[in-house]
Amino acid sequence: MRIVAPRKLTPTEGRIIVYLSQHEGESCTKAQIAEALGRNKKTIDRLIMRLRADGLIVSEPMWDERGGQVANRYRVSGRTVC
């Protein structure tokens, strides 16, 4: 996978993009991403915000059958070239 980014990504940012690519279409919490990558949830939260601001990932809110919001679905944007 080749990432077209407006700046140099940190190793963890790159790992987030790879993780999201491997779990495309799934809803996953930031805590799940943090656990899978062996990082702190606050670190993942901060890096996801940066990746979203850079247009590299997209966040899609997900809702349960009663209308309550559940974990967001994150996906890699079209700026990432596979």
PDB file of N, CA and C in Angstrom:
ATOM      1  N   MET A   1       0.845  -1.176   0.000  1.00  0.00           N
ATOM      2  CA  MET A   1       0.000   0.000   0.000  1.00  0.00           C
ATOM      3  C   MET A   1       0.889   1.237   0.000  1.00  0.00           C
ATOM      4  N   ARG A   2       0.562   2.175  -0.830  1.00  0.00           N
ATOM      5  CA  ARG A   2       1.284   3.442  -0.874  1.00  0.00           C
ATOM      6  C   ARG A   2       0.343   4.526  -0.399  1.00  0.00           C
ATOM      7  N   ILE A   3       0.799   5.371   0.483  1.00  0.00           N
ATOM      8  CA  ILE A   3      -0.019   6.432   1.047  1.00  0.00           C
ATOM      9  C   ILE A   3       0.429   7.760   0.459  1.00  0.00           C
ATOM     10  N   VAL A   4      -0.523   8.480  -0.114  1.00  0.00           N
ATOM     11  CA  VAL A   4      -0.257   9.815  -0.639  1.00  0.00           C
ATOM     12  C   VAL A   4      -0.713  10.786   0.444  1.00  0.00           C
ATOM     13  N   ALA A   5       0.242  11.385   1.137  1.00  0.00           N
ATOM     14  CA  ALA A   5      -0.079  12.224   2.284  1.00  0.00           C
ATOM     15  C   ALA A   5       0.506  13.621   2.107  1.00  0.00           C
ATOM     16  N   PRO A   6      -0.156  14.623   2.721  1.00  0.00           N
ATOM     17  CA  PRO A   6       0.342  15.991   2.626  1.00  0.00           C
ATOM     18  C   PRO A   6       1.577  16.230   3.501  1.00  0.00           C
ATOM     19  N   ARG A   7       1.932  15.256   4.336  1.00  0.00           N
ATOM     20  CA  ARG A   7       3.089  15.363   5.219  1.00  0.00           C
ATOM     21  C   ARG A   7       3.601  13.960   5.509  1.00  0.00           C
ATOM     22  N   LYS A   8       4.753  13.868   6.129  1.00  0.00           N
ATOM     23  CA  LYS A   8       5.291  12.562   6.499  1.00  0.00           C
ATOM     24  C   LYS A   8       4.486  12.022   7.682  1.00  0.00           C
ATOM     25  N   LEU A   9       4.021  10.785   7.560  1.00  0.00           N
ATOM     26  CA  LEU A   9       3.243  10.167   8.627  1.00  0.00           C
ATOM     27  C   LEU A   9       4.157   9.540   9.667  1.00  0.00           C
ATOM     28  N   THR A  10       3.663   9.522  10.903  1.00  0.00           N
ATOM     29  CA  THR A  10       4.386   8.806  11.949  1.00  0.00           C
ATOM     30  C   THR A  10       4.185   7.310  11.726  1.00  0.00           C
ATOM     31  N   PRO A  11       5.039   6.480  12.298  1.00  0.00           N
ATOM     32  CA  PRO A  11       4.834   5.033  12.164  1.00  0.00           C
ATOM     33  C   PRO A  11       3.459   4.579  12.657  1.00  0.00           C
ATOM     34  N   THR A  12       2.990   5.167  13.751  1.00  0.00           N
ATOM     35  CA  THR A  12       1.678   4.771  14.273  1.00  0.00           C
ATOM     36  C   THR A  12       0.558   5.209  13.344  1.00  0.00           C
ATOM     37  N   GLU A  13       0.669   6.380  12.733  1.00  0.00           N
ATOM     38  CA  GLU A  13      -0.341   6.805  11.764  1.00  0.00           C
ATOM     39  C   GLU A  13      -0.394   5.826  10.596  1.00  0.00           C
ATOM     40  N   GLY A  14       0.759   5.408  10.126  1.00  0.00           N
ATOM     41  CA  GLY A  14       0.798   4.417   9.053  1.00  0.00           C
ATOM     42  C   GLY A  14       0.142   3.112   9.471  1.00  0.00           C
ATOM     43  N   ARG A  15       0.390   2.697  10.713  1.00  0.00           N
ATOM     44  CA  ARG A  15      -0.219   1.462  11.218  1.00  0.00           C
ATOM     45  C   ARG A  15      -1.736   1.595  11.342  1.00  0.00           C
ATOM     46  N   ILE A  16      -2.215   2.783  11.714  1.00  0.00           N
ATOM     47  CA  ILE A  16      -3.665   3.003  11.785  1.00  0.00           C
ATOM     48  C   ILE A  16      -4.274   2.818  10.399  1.00  0.00           C
ATOM     49  N   ILE A  17      -3.667   3.402   9.389  1.00  0.00           N
ATOM     50  CA  ILE A  17      -4.189   3.284   8.025  1.00  0.00           C
ATOM     51  C   ILE A  17      -4.191   1.828   7.571  1.00  0.00           C
ATOM     52  N   VAL A  18      -3.133   1.098   7.863  1.00  0.00           N
ATOM     53  CA  VAL A  18      -3.085  -0.322   7.497  1.00  0.00           C
ATOM     54  C   VAL A  18      -4.173  -1.092   8.242  1.00  0.00           C
ATOM     55  N   TYR A  19      -4.323  -0.824   9.535  1.00  0.00           N
ATOM     56  CA  TYR A  19      -5.352  -1.506  10.333  1.00  0.00           C
ATOM     57  C   TYR A  19      -6.741  -1.242   9.753  1.00  0.00           C
ATOM     58  N   LEU A  20      -7.029   0.020   9.449  1.00  0.00           N
ATOM     59  CA  LEU A  20      -8.346   0.356   8.902  1.00  0.00           C
ATOM     60  C   LEU A  20      -8.560  -0.289   7.537  1.00  0.00           C
ATOM     61  N   SER A  21      -7.531  -0.369   6.740  1.00  0.00           N
ATOM     62  CA  SER A  21      -7.639  -1.032   5.437  1.00  0.00           C
ATOM     63  C   SER A  21      -7.965  -2.506   5.601  1.00  0.00           C
ATOM     64  N   GLN A  22      -7.377  -3.130   6.605  1.00  0.00           N
ATOM     65  CA  GLN A  22      -7.605  -4.553   6.850  1.00  0.00           C
ATOM     66  C   GLN A  22      -8.975  -4.825   7.456  1.00  0.00           C
ATOM     67  N   HIS A  23      -9.585  -3.812   8.073  1.00  0.00           N
ATOM     68  CA  HIS A  23     -10.884  -3.966   8.727  1.00  0.00           C
ATOM     69  C   HIS A  23     -11.949  -3.096   8.060  1.00  0.00           C
ATOM     70  N   GLU A  24     -11.800  -2.875   6.773  1.00  0.00           N
ATOM     71  CA  GLU A  24     -12.721  -2.012   6.036  1.00  0.00           C
ATOM     72  C   GLU A  24     -14.155  -2.507   6.167  1.00  0.00           C
ATOM     73  N   GLY A  25     -15.071  -1.574   6.410  1.00  0.00           N
ATOM     74  CA  GLY A  25     -16.486  -1.906   6.526  1.00  0.00           C
ATOM     75  C   GLY A  25     -16.910  -2.291   7.927  1.00  0.00           C
ATOM     76  N   GLU A  26     -15.958  -2.424   8.834  1.00  0.00           N
ATOM     77  CA  GLU A  26     -16.273  -2.797  10.208  1.00  0.00           C
ATOM     78  C   GLU A  26     -16.335  -1.542  11.075  1.00  0.00           C
ATOM     79  N   SER A  27     -17.194  -1.572  12.084  1.00  0.00           N
ATOM     80  CA  SER A  27     -17.183  -0.514  13.082  1.00  0.00           C
ATOM     81  C   SER A  27     -16.180  -0.922  14.147  1.00  0.00           C
ATOM     82  N   CYS A  28     -15.276  -0.041  14.460  1.00  0.00           N
ATOM     83  CA  CYS A  28     -14.319  -0.362  15.513  1.00  0.00           C
ATOM     84  C   CYS A  28     -14.083   0.886  16.349  1.00  0.00           C
ATOM     85  N   THR A  29     -13.967   0.667  17.644  1.00  0.00           N
ATOM     86  CA  THR A  29     -13.748   1.789  18.544  1.00  0.00           C
ATOM     87  C   THR A  29     -12.276   2.175  18.541  1.00  0.00           C
ATOM     88  N   LYS A  30     -12.027   3.373  19.004  1.00  0.00           N
ATOM     89  CA  LYS A  30     -10.639   3.809  19.141  1.00  0.00           C
ATOM     90  C   LYS A  30      -9.915   2.920  20.146  1.00  0.00           C
ATOM     91  N   ALA A  31     -10.646   2.444  21.155  1.00  0.00           N
ATOM     92  CA  ALA A  31     -10.044   1.536  22.139  1.00  0.00           C
ATOM     93  C   ALA A  31      -9.613   0.227  21.477  1.00  0.00           C
ATOM     94  N   GLN A  32     -10.417  -0.277  20.549  1.00  0.00           N
ATOM     95  CA  GLN A  32     -10.048  -1.508  19.838  1.00  0.00           C
ATOM     96  C   GLN A  32      -8.809  -1.283  18.972  1.00  0.00           C
ATOM     97  N   ILE A  33      -8.764  -0.143  18.302  1.00  0.00           N
ATOM     98  CA  ILE A  33      -7.597   0.174  17.478  1.00  0.00           C
ATOM     99  C   ILE A  33      -6.362   0.297  18.369  1.00  0.00           C
ATOM    100  N   ALA A  34      -6.512   0.996  19.505  1.00  0.00           N
ATOM    101  CA  ALA A  34      -5.391   1.172  20.429  1.00  0.00           C
ATOM    102  C   ALA A  34      -4.877  -0.173  20.931  1.00  0.00           C
ATOM    103  N   GLU A  35      -5.788  -1.058  21.302  1.00  0.00           N
ATOM    104  CA  GLU A  35      -5.381  -2.374  21.797  1.00  0.00           C
ATOM    105  C   GLU A  35      -4.669  -3.176  20.705  1.00  0.00           C
ATOM    106  N   ALA A  36      -5.222  -3.141  19.505  1.00  0.00           N
ATOM    107  CA  ALA A  36      -4.630  -3.901  18.397  1.00  0.00           C
ATOM    108  C   ALA A  36      -3.224  -3.404  18.061  1.00  0.00           C
ATOM    109  N   LEU A  37      -3.003  -2.102  18.215  1.00  0.00           N
ATOM    110  CA  LEU A  37      -1.707  -1.519  17.863  1.00  0.00           C
ATOM    111  C   LEU A  37      -0.774  -1.368  19.060  1.00  0.00           C
ATOM    112  N   GLY A  38      -1.279  -1.710  20.257  1.00  0.00           N
ATOM    113  CA  GLY A  38      -0.448  -1.594  21.453  1.00  0.00           C
ATOM    114  C   GLY A  38      -0.138  -0.164  21.834  1.00  0.00           C
ATOM    115  N   ARG A  39      -1.102   0.724  21.596  1.00  0.00           N
ATOM    116  CA  ARG A  39      -0.922   2.145  21.897  1.00  0.00           C
ATOM    117  C   ARG A  39      -2.007   2.615  22.852  1.00  0.00           C
ATOM    118  N   ASN A  40      -1.818   3.788  23.418  1.00  0.00           N
ATOM    119  CA  ASN A  40      -2.769   4.411  24.322  1.00  0.00           C
ATOM    120  C   ASN A  40      -3.965   4.941  23.532  1.00  0.00           C
ATOM    121  N   LYS A  41      -5.171   4.840  24.117  1.00  0.00           N
ATOM    122  CA  LYS A  41      -6.384   5.304  23.429  1.00  0.00           C
ATOM    123  C   LYS A  41      -6.302   6.803  23.099  1.00  0.00           C
ATOM    124  N   LYS A  42      -5.761   7.599  24.002  1.00  0.00           N
ATOM    125  CA  LYS A  42      -5.645   9.039  23.736  1.00  0.00           C
ATOM    126  C   LYS A  42      -4.704   9.316  22.560  1.00  0.00           C
ATOM    127  N   THR A  43      -3.665   8.521  22.433  1.00  0.00           N
ATOM    128  CA  THR A  43      -2.751   8.662  21.293  1.00  0.00           C
ATOM    129  C   THR A  43      -3.488   8.365  19.996  1.00  0.00           C
ATOM    130  N   ILE A  44      -4.255   7.280  19.989  1.00  0.00           N
ATOM    131  CA  ILE A  44      -5.024   6.907  18.794  1.00  0.00           C
ATOM    132  C   ILE A  44      -6.042   7.986  18.469  1.00  0.00           C
ATOM    133  N   ASP A  45      -6.718   8.512  19.489  1.00  0.00           N
ATOM    134  CA  ASP A  45      -7.709   9.571  19.282  1.00  0.00           C
ATOM    135  C   ASP A  45      -7.053  10.782  18.617  1.00  0.00           C
ATOM    136  N   ARG A  46      -5.909  11.203  19.128  1.00  0.00           N
ATOM    137  CA  ARG A  46      -5.200  12.365  18.576  1.00  0.00           C
ATOM    138  C   ARG A  46      -4.753  12.111  17.137  1.00  0.00           C
ATOM    139  N   LEU A  47      -4.227  10.920  16.876  1.00  0.00           N
ATOM    140  CA  LEU A  47      -3.746  10.621  15.527  1.00  0.00           C
ATOM    141  C   LEU A  47      -4.892  10.473  14.531  1.00  0.00           C
ATOM    142  N   ILE A  48      -6.008   9.903  14.964  1.00  0.00           N
ATOM    143  CA  ILE A  48      -7.177   9.810  14.085  1.00  0.00           C
ATOM    144  C   ILE A  48      -7.666  11.207  13.719  1.00  0.00           C
ATOM    145  N   MET A  49      -7.675  12.119  14.687  1.00  0.00           N
ATOM    146  CA  MET A  49      -8.085  13.496  14.384  1.00  0.00           C
ATOM    147  C   MET A  49      -7.153  14.115  13.344  1.00  0.00           C
ATOM    148  N   ARG A  50      -5.844  13.875  13.465  1.00  0.00           N
ATOM    149  CA  ARG A  50      -4.888  14.409  12.484  1.00  0.00           C
ATOM    150  C   ARG A  50      -5.097  13.784  11.108  1.00  0.00           C
ATOM    151  N   LEU A  51      -5.304  12.463  11.077  1.00  0.00           N
ATOM    152  CA  LEU A  51      -5.512  11.782   9.797  1.00  0.00           C
ATOM    153  C   LEU A  51      -6.803  12.248   9.129  1.00  0.00           C
ATOM    154  N   ARG A  52      -7.840  12.497   9.928  1.00  0.00           N
ATOM    155  CA  ARG A  52      -9.092  13.029   9.374  1.00  0.00           C
ATOM    156  C   ARG A  52      -8.872  14.437   8.835  1.00  0.00           C
ATOM    157  N   ALA A  53      -8.165  15.273   9.585  1.00  0.00           N
ATOM    158  CA  ALA A  53      -7.903  16.650   9.143  1.00  0.00           C
ATOM    159  C   ALA A  53      -7.086  16.672   7.849  1.00  0.00           C
ATOM    160  N   ASP A  54      -6.204  15.695   7.694  1.00  0.00           N
ATOM    161  CA  ASP A  54      -5.397  15.588   6.471  1.00  0.00           C
ATOM    162  C   ASP A  54      -6.167  14.959   5.315  1.00  0.00           C
ATOM    163  N   GLY A  55      -7.386  14.485   5.581  1.00  0.00           N
ATOM    164  CA  GLY A  55      -8.194  13.874   4.530  1.00  0.00           C
ATOM    165  C   GLY A  55      -7.795  12.449   4.195  1.00  0.00           C
ATOM    166  N   LEU A  56      -7.025  11.801   5.073  1.00  0.00           N
ATOM    167  CA  LEU A  56      -6.559  10.445   4.793  1.00  0.00           C
ATOM    168  C   LEU A  56      -7.535   9.368   5.253  1.00  0.00           C
ATOM    169  N   ILE A  57      -8.326   9.686   6.271  1.00  0.00           N
ATOM    170  CA  ILE A  57      -9.374   8.755   6.690  1.00  0.00           C
ATOM    171  C   ILE A  57     -10.676   9.519   6.857  1.00  0.00           C
ATOM    172  N   VAL A  58     -11.765   8.778   6.784  1.00  0.00           N
ATOM    173  CA  VAL A  58     -13.105   9.347   6.898  1.00  0.00           C
ATOM    174  C   VAL A  58     -13.816   8.636   8.038  1.00  0.00           C
ATOM    175  N   SER A  59     -14.541   9.390   8.831  1.00  0.00           N
ATOM    176  CA  SER A  59     -15.318   8.837   9.936  1.00  0.00           C
ATOM    177  C   SER A  59     -16.794   8.850   9.550  1.00  0.00           C
ATOM    178  N   GLU A  60     -17.451   7.706   9.711  1.00  0.00           N
ATOM    179  CA  GLU A  60     -18.876   7.599   9.406  1.00  0.00           C
ATOM    180  C   GLU A  60     -19.612   7.189  10.677  1.00  0.00           C
ATOM    181  N   PRO A  61     -20.513   8.036  11.187  1.00  0.00           N
ATOM    182  CA  PRO A  61     -21.244   7.654  12.394  1.00  0.00           C
ATOM    183  C   PRO A  61     -22.130   6.439  12.130  1.00  0.00           C
ATOM    184  N   MET A  62     -22.219   5.576  13.123  1.00  0.00           N
ATOM    185  CA  MET A  62     -23.044   4.370  13.018  1.00  0.00           C
ATOM    186  C   MET A  62     -24.124   4.436  14.093  1.00  0.00           C
ATOM    187  N   TRP A  63     -25.289   3.877  13.784  1.00  0.00           N
ATOM    188  CA  TRP A  63     -26.437   3.944  14.686  1.00  0.00           C
ATOM    189  C   TRP A  63     -26.974   2.542  14.932  1.00  0.00           C
ATOM    190  N   ASP A  64     -27.461   2.312  16.156  1.00  0.00           N
ATOM    191  CA  ASP A  64     -28.091   1.023  16.430  1.00  0.00           C
ATOM    192  C   ASP A  64     -29.558   1.089  16.028  1.00  0.00           C
ATOM    193  N   GLU A  65     -30.255  -0.016  16.198  1.00  0.00           N
ATOM    194  CA  GLU A  65     -31.651  -0.093  15.740  1.00  0.00           C
ATOM    195  C   GLU A  65     -32.590   0.850  16.490  1.00  0.00           C
ATOM    196  N   ARG A  66     -32.183   1.328  17.673  1.00  0.00           N
ATOM    197  CA  ARG A  66     -33.016   2.269  18.432  1.00  0.00           C
ATOM    198  C   ARG A  66     -32.644   3.724  18.165  1.00  0.00           C
ATOM    199  N   GLY A  67     -31.677   3.938  17.285  1.00  0.00           N
ATOM    200  CA  GLY A  67     -31.287   5.298  16.935  1.00  0.00           C
ATOM    201  C   GLY A  67     -30.130   5.854  17.744  1.00  0.00           C
ATOM    202  N   GLY A  68     -29.570   5.039  18.637  1.00  0.00           N
ATOM    203  CA  GLY A  68     -28.434   5.498  19.429  1.00  0.00           C
ATOM    204  C   GLY A  68     -27.132   5.338  18.656  1.00  0.00           C
ATOM    205  N   GLN A  69     -26.231   6.270  18.876  1.00  0.00           N
ATOM    206  CA  GLN A  69     -24.953   6.185  18.165  1.00  0.00           C
ATOM    207  C   GLN A  69     -24.059   5.134  18.818  1.00  0.00           C
ATOM    208  N   VAL A  70     -23.429   4.336  17.962  1.00  0.00           N
ATOM    209  CA  VAL A  70     -22.445   3.346  18.399  1.00  0.00           C
ATOM    210  C   VAL A  70     -21.090   3.754  17.820  1.00  0.00           C
ATOM    211  N   ALA A  71     -20.112   2.900  17.898  1.00  0.00           N
ATOM    212  CA  ALA A  71     -18.763   3.234  17.417  1.00  0.00           C
ATOM    213  C   ALA A  71     -18.798   3.693  15.960  1.00  0.00           C
ATOM    214  N   ASN A  72     -18.000   4.692  15.663  1.00  0.00           N
ATOM    215  CA  ASN A  72     -17.884   5.163  14.282  1.00  0.00           C
ATOM    216  C   ASN A  72     -17.223   4.109  13.413  1.00  0.00           C
ATOM    217  N   ARG A  73     -17.533   4.166  12.147  1.00  0.00           N
ATOM    218  CA  ARG A  73     -16.820   3.352  11.166  1.00  0.00           C
ATOM    219  C   ARG A  73     -15.795   4.272  10.523  1.00  0.00           C
ATOM    220  N   TYR A  74     -14.564   3.852  10.524  1.00  0.00           N
ATOM    221  CA  TYR A  74     -13.498   4.619   9.895  1.00  0.00           C
ATOM    222  C   TYR A  74     -13.089   3.904   8.625  1.00  0.00           C
ATOM    223  N   ARG A  75     -12.822   4.684   7.607  1.00  0.00           N
ATOM    224  CA  ARG A  75     -12.335   4.070   6.372  1.00  0.00           C
ATOM    225  C   ARG A  75     -11.250   4.962   5.794  1.00  0.00           C
ATOM    226  N   VAL A  76     -10.406   4.329   5.026  1.00  0.00           N
ATOM    227  CA  VAL A  76      -9.323   5.048   4.373  1.00  0.00           C
ATOM    228  C   VAL A  76      -9.914   5.784   3.179  1.00  0.00           C
ATOM    229  N   SER A  77      -9.557   7.053   3.031  1.00  0.00           N
ATOM    230  CA  SER A  77     -10.116   7.848   1.933  1.00  0.00           C
ATOM    231  C   SER A  77      -9.449   7.486   0.613  1.00  0.00           C
ATOM    232  N   GLY A  78      -9.953   8.057  -0.448  1.00  0.00           N
ATOM    233  CA  GLY A  78      -9.419   7.809  -1.778  1.00  0.00           C
ATOM    234  C   GLY A  78      -8.013   8.347  -1.992  1.00  0.00           C
ATOM    235  N   ARG A  79      -7.494   9.133  -1.049  1.00  0.00           N
ATOM    236  CA  ARG A  79      -6.133   9.653  -1.177  1.00  0.00           C
ATOM    237  C   ARG A  79      -5.085   8.573  -0.971  1.00  0.00           C
ATOM    238  N   THR A  80      -5.504   7.464  -0.384  1.00  0.00           N
ATOM    239  CA  THR A  80      -4.569   6.368  -0.155  1.00  0.00           C
ATOM    240  C   THR A  80      -4.608   5.458  -1.364  1.00  0.00           C
ATOM    241  N   VAL A  81      -3.488   5.192  -1.937  1.00  0.00           N
ATOM    242  CA  VAL A  81      -3.402   4.372  -3.138  1.00  0.00           C
ATOM    243  C   VAL A  81      -2.947   2.979  -2.743  1.00  0.00           C
ATOM    244  N   CYS A  82      -3.758   1.977  -3.082  1.00  0.00           N
ATOM    245  CA  CYS A  82      -3.398   0.592  -2.753  1.00  0.00           C
ATOM    246  C   CYS A  82      -2.770  -0.059  -3.959  1.00  0.00           C
TER     247      CYS A  82
END
